[in-house]
């Protein structure tokens, strides 16, 4: 099993959610986040004063998938979150050794 963590632009959430649903994934966790990479933030003007906005709003999506679903999920996220502009985000994949569904006690792929 693999855990996919994707950092995306907030307005792309619906497209990513629909793309993951289309490839058969049912659940995900979404967290509001702030950060920057090469984008480095930007300056804004507020009441005549200029200030730097270092951390930009992002969303972090977490999905746990079986090994067989990994490539389809990565492709779906990449295509749905892509704008072609700086700041589209990143995807991280890590190994999951165990999953347990608390309600039923199911483990492994059955718990996903």
C-alpha atoms as a PDB file:
ATOM      1  CA  UNK A   1       0.000   0.000   0.000  1.00  0.00           C
ATOM      2  CA  UNK A   2       1.089   3.552  -0.677  1.00  0.00           C
ATOM      3  CA  UNK A   3       0.199   6.933   0.789  1.00  0.00           C
ATOM      4  CA  UNK A   4      -0.082   9.782  -1.692  1.00  0.00           C
ATOM      5  CA  UNK A   5       0.301  13.315  -0.362  1.00  0.00           C
ATOM      6  CA  UNK A   6      -0.456  15.967  -2.965  1.00  0.00           C
ATOM      7  CA  UNK A   7      -0.015  19.701  -2.430  1.00  0.00           C
ATOM      8  CA  UNK A   8      -2.261  21.540  -4.893  1.00  0.00           C
ATOM      9  CA  UNK A   9      -3.794  24.929  -5.595  1.00  0.00           C
ATOM     10  CA  UNK A  10      -7.114  25.296  -3.724  1.00  0.00           C
ATOM     11  CA  UNK A  11      -9.242  25.945  -6.824  1.00  0.00           C
ATOM     12  CA  UNK A  12      -8.177  22.563  -8.280  1.00  0.00           C
ATOM     13  CA  UNK A  13      -9.736  20.501  -5.456  1.00  0.00           C
ATOM     14  CA  UNK A  14     -13.003  19.649  -7.227  1.00  0.00           C
ATOM     15  CA  UNK A  15     -11.196  18.547 -10.383  1.00  0.00           C
ATOM     16  CA  UNK A  16      -8.793  16.342  -8.415  1.00  0.00           C
ATOM     17  CA  UNK A  17     -11.633  14.848  -6.353  1.00  0.00           C
ATOM     18  CA  UNK A  18     -13.621  13.991  -9.483  1.00  0.00           C
ATOM     19  CA  UNK A  19     -10.545  12.525 -11.210  1.00  0.00           C
ATOM     20  CA  UNK A  20      -9.795  10.274  -8.230  1.00  0.00           C
ATOM     21  CA  UNK A  21     -13.435   9.191  -8.050  1.00  0.00           C
ATOM     22  CA  UNK A  22     -13.319   8.358 -11.778  1.00  0.00           C
ATOM     23  CA  UNK A  23     -10.422   5.919 -11.222  1.00  0.00           C
ATOM     24  CA  UNK A  24     -12.263   4.187  -8.378  1.00  0.00           C
ATOM     25  CA  UNK A  25     -10.888   5.841  -5.244  1.00  0.00           C
ATOM     26  CA  UNK A  26     -13.510   6.611  -2.646  1.00  0.00           C
ATOM     27  CA  UNK A  27     -11.874   8.352   0.290  1.00  0.00           C
ATOM     28  CA  UNK A  28      -9.433  11.173   0.850  1.00  0.00           C
ATOM     29  CA  UNK A  29      -8.364  13.598   3.531  1.00  0.00           C
ATOM     30  CA  UNK A  30      -8.027  17.291   2.687  1.00  0.00           C
ATOM     31  CA  UNK A  31      -6.105  19.761   4.847  1.00  0.00           C
ATOM     32  CA  UNK A  32      -5.703  23.495   4.407  1.00  0.00           C
ATOM     33  CA  UNK A  33      -2.043  24.426   4.224  1.00  0.00           C
ATOM     34  CA  UNK A  34       0.199  27.386   3.535  1.00  0.00           C
ATOM     35  CA  UNK A  35       3.597  27.249   1.950  1.00  0.00           C
ATOM     36  CA  UNK A  36       5.905  28.304  -0.810  1.00  0.00           C
ATOM     37  CA  UNK A  37       8.487  26.830  -3.124  1.00  0.00           C
ATOM     38  CA  UNK A  38       9.950  28.481  -6.171  1.00  0.00           C
ATOM     39  CA  UNK A  39       6.908  30.739  -6.210  1.00  0.00           C
ATOM     40  CA  UNK A  40       8.383  32.629  -3.240  1.00  0.00           C
ATOM     41  CA  UNK A  41       5.142  34.451  -2.413  1.00  0.00           C
ATOM     42  CA  UNK A  42       4.295  37.928  -3.627  1.00  0.00           C
ATOM     43  CA  UNK A  43       3.878  41.511  -2.427  1.00  0.00           C
ATOM     44  CA  UNK A  44       0.527  43.141  -1.743  1.00  0.00           C
ATOM     45  CA  UNK A  45      -0.581  46.674  -1.029  1.00  0.00           C
ATOM     46  CA  UNK A  46      -2.839  47.229   1.992  1.00  0.00           C
ATOM     47  CA  UNK A  47      -3.876  50.746   3.095  1.00  0.00           C
ATOM     48  CA  UNK A  48      -0.928  52.241   1.310  1.00  0.00           C
ATOM     49  CA  UNK A  49       1.624  49.905   2.863  1.00  0.00           C
ATOM     50  CA  UNK A  50       3.386  47.226   0.872  1.00  0.00           C
ATOM     51  CA  UNK A  51       3.973  43.891   2.544  1.00  0.00           C
ATOM     52  CA  UNK A  52       5.230  40.467   1.503  1.00  0.00           C
ATOM     53  CA  UNK A  53       2.964  37.432   1.543  1.00  0.00           C
ATOM     54  CA  UNK A  54       5.468  34.584   2.040  1.00  0.00           C
ATOM     55  CA  UNK A  55       3.083  31.698   2.525  1.00  0.00           C
ATOM     56  CA  UNK A  56       0.516  31.038  -0.160  1.00  0.00           C
ATOM     57  CA  UNK A  57      -2.720  29.090   0.420  1.00  0.00           C
ATOM     58  CA  UNK A  58      -2.527  25.456  -0.673  1.00  0.00           C
ATOM     59  CA  UNK A  59      -4.426  22.240  -0.025  1.00  0.00           C
ATOM     60  CA  UNK A  60      -2.867  18.960   1.027  1.00  0.00           C
ATOM     61  CA  UNK A  61      -4.682  15.841  -0.117  1.00  0.00           C
ATOM     62  CA  UNK A  62      -3.867  12.499   1.484  1.00  0.00           C
ATOM     63  CA  UNK A  63      -4.972   9.227  -0.100  1.00  0.00           C
ATOM     64  CA  UNK A  64      -3.961   5.655   0.734  1.00  0.00           C
ATOM     65  CA  UNK A  65      -4.147   3.272  -2.221  1.00  0.00           C
ATOM     66  CA  UNK A  66      -3.281  -0.319  -3.018  1.00  0.00           C
ATOM     67  CA  UNK A  67      -0.137  -0.854  -5.078  1.00  0.00           C
ATOM     68  CA  UNK A  68      -2.315  -1.718  -8.089  1.00  0.00           C
ATOM     69  CA  UNK A  69      -4.123   1.645  -7.928  1.00  0.00           C
ATOM     70  CA  UNK A  70      -1.003   3.804  -7.509  1.00  0.00           C
ATOM     71  CA  UNK A  71      -0.243   4.673 -11.144  1.00  0.00           C
ATOM     72  CA  UNK A  72      -3.878   5.492 -11.961  1.00  0.00           C
ATOM     73  CA  UNK A  73      -4.175   7.719  -8.894  1.00  0.00           C
ATOM     74  CA  UNK A  74      -0.922   9.568  -9.627  1.00  0.00           C
ATOM     75  CA  UNK A  75      -1.941  10.134 -13.232  1.00  0.00           C
ATOM     76  CA  UNK A  76      -5.387  11.394 -12.200  1.00  0.00           C
ATOM     77  CA  UNK A  77      -3.971  13.876  -9.678  1.00  0.00           C
ATOM     78  CA  UNK A  78      -1.261  15.102 -12.030  1.00  0.00           C
ATOM     79  CA  UNK A  79      -3.670  15.750 -14.905  1.00  0.00           C
ATOM     80  CA  UNK A  80      -6.396  17.322 -12.764  1.00  0.00           C
ATOM     81  CA  UNK A  81      -4.093  19.630 -10.763  1.00  0.00           C
ATOM     82  CA  UNK A  82      -1.996  20.801 -13.733  1.00  0.00           C
ATOM     83  CA  UNK A  83      -2.250  24.449 -14.822  1.00  0.00           C
ATOM     84  CA  UNK A  84       1.196  24.749 -16.398  1.00  0.00           C
ATOM     85  CA  UNK A  85       2.094  27.685 -14.139  1.00  0.00           C
ATOM     86  CA  UNK A  86       4.540  27.874 -11.276  1.00  0.00           C
ATOM     87  CA  UNK A  87       3.041  26.700  -7.989  1.00  0.00           C
ATOM     88  CA  UNK A  88       1.005  23.760  -9.334  1.00  0.00           C
ATOM     89  CA  UNK A  89       2.286  21.720  -6.394  1.00  0.00           C
ATOM     90  CA  UNK A  90       4.014  18.446  -5.630  1.00  0.00           C
ATOM     91  CA  UNK A  91       3.109  14.820  -5.038  1.00  0.00           C
ATOM     92  CA  UNK A  92       4.859  12.643  -2.456  1.00  0.00           C
ATOM     93  CA  UNK A  93       4.481   8.850  -2.310  1.00  0.00           C
ATOM     94  CA  UNK A  94       5.414   6.806   0.749  1.00  0.00           C
ATOM     95  CA  UNK A  95       5.077   3.185   1.840  1.00  0.00           C
ATOM     96  CA  UNK A  96       2.281   2.196   4.241  1.00  0.00           C
ATOM     97  CA  UNK A  97       2.932  -0.953   6.233  1.00  0.00           C
ATOM     98  CA  UNK A  98      -0.491  -1.388   7.840  1.00  0.00           C
ATOM     99  CA  UNK A  99      -4.034  -0.021   7.720  1.00  0.00           C
ATOM    100  CA  UNK A 100      -6.734  -0.883  10.249  1.00  0.00           C
ATOM    101  CA  UNK A 101     -10.385   0.121   9.933  1.00  0.00           C
ATOM    102  CA  UNK A 102     -11.352   0.959  13.500  1.00  0.00           C
ATOM    103  CA  UNK A 103     -15.073   0.188  13.139  1.00  0.00           C
ATOM    104  CA  UNK A 104     -14.723  -3.368  11.785  1.00  0.00           C
ATOM    105  CA  UNK A 105     -11.145  -4.341  12.594  1.00  0.00           C
ATOM    106  CA  UNK A 106     -10.400  -5.044   8.903  1.00  0.00           C
ATOM    107  CA  UNK A 107      -6.735  -4.749   7.961  1.00  0.00           C
ATOM    108  CA  UNK A 108      -4.650  -4.302   4.826  1.00  0.00           C
ATOM    109  CA  UNK A 109      -6.268  -3.642   1.443  1.00  0.00           C
ATOM    110  CA  UNK A 110      -9.739  -4.462   2.835  1.00  0.00           C
ATOM    111  CA  UNK A 111      -9.432  -1.506   5.242  1.00  0.00           C
ATOM    112  CA  UNK A 112      -8.709   1.041   2.522  1.00  0.00           C
END
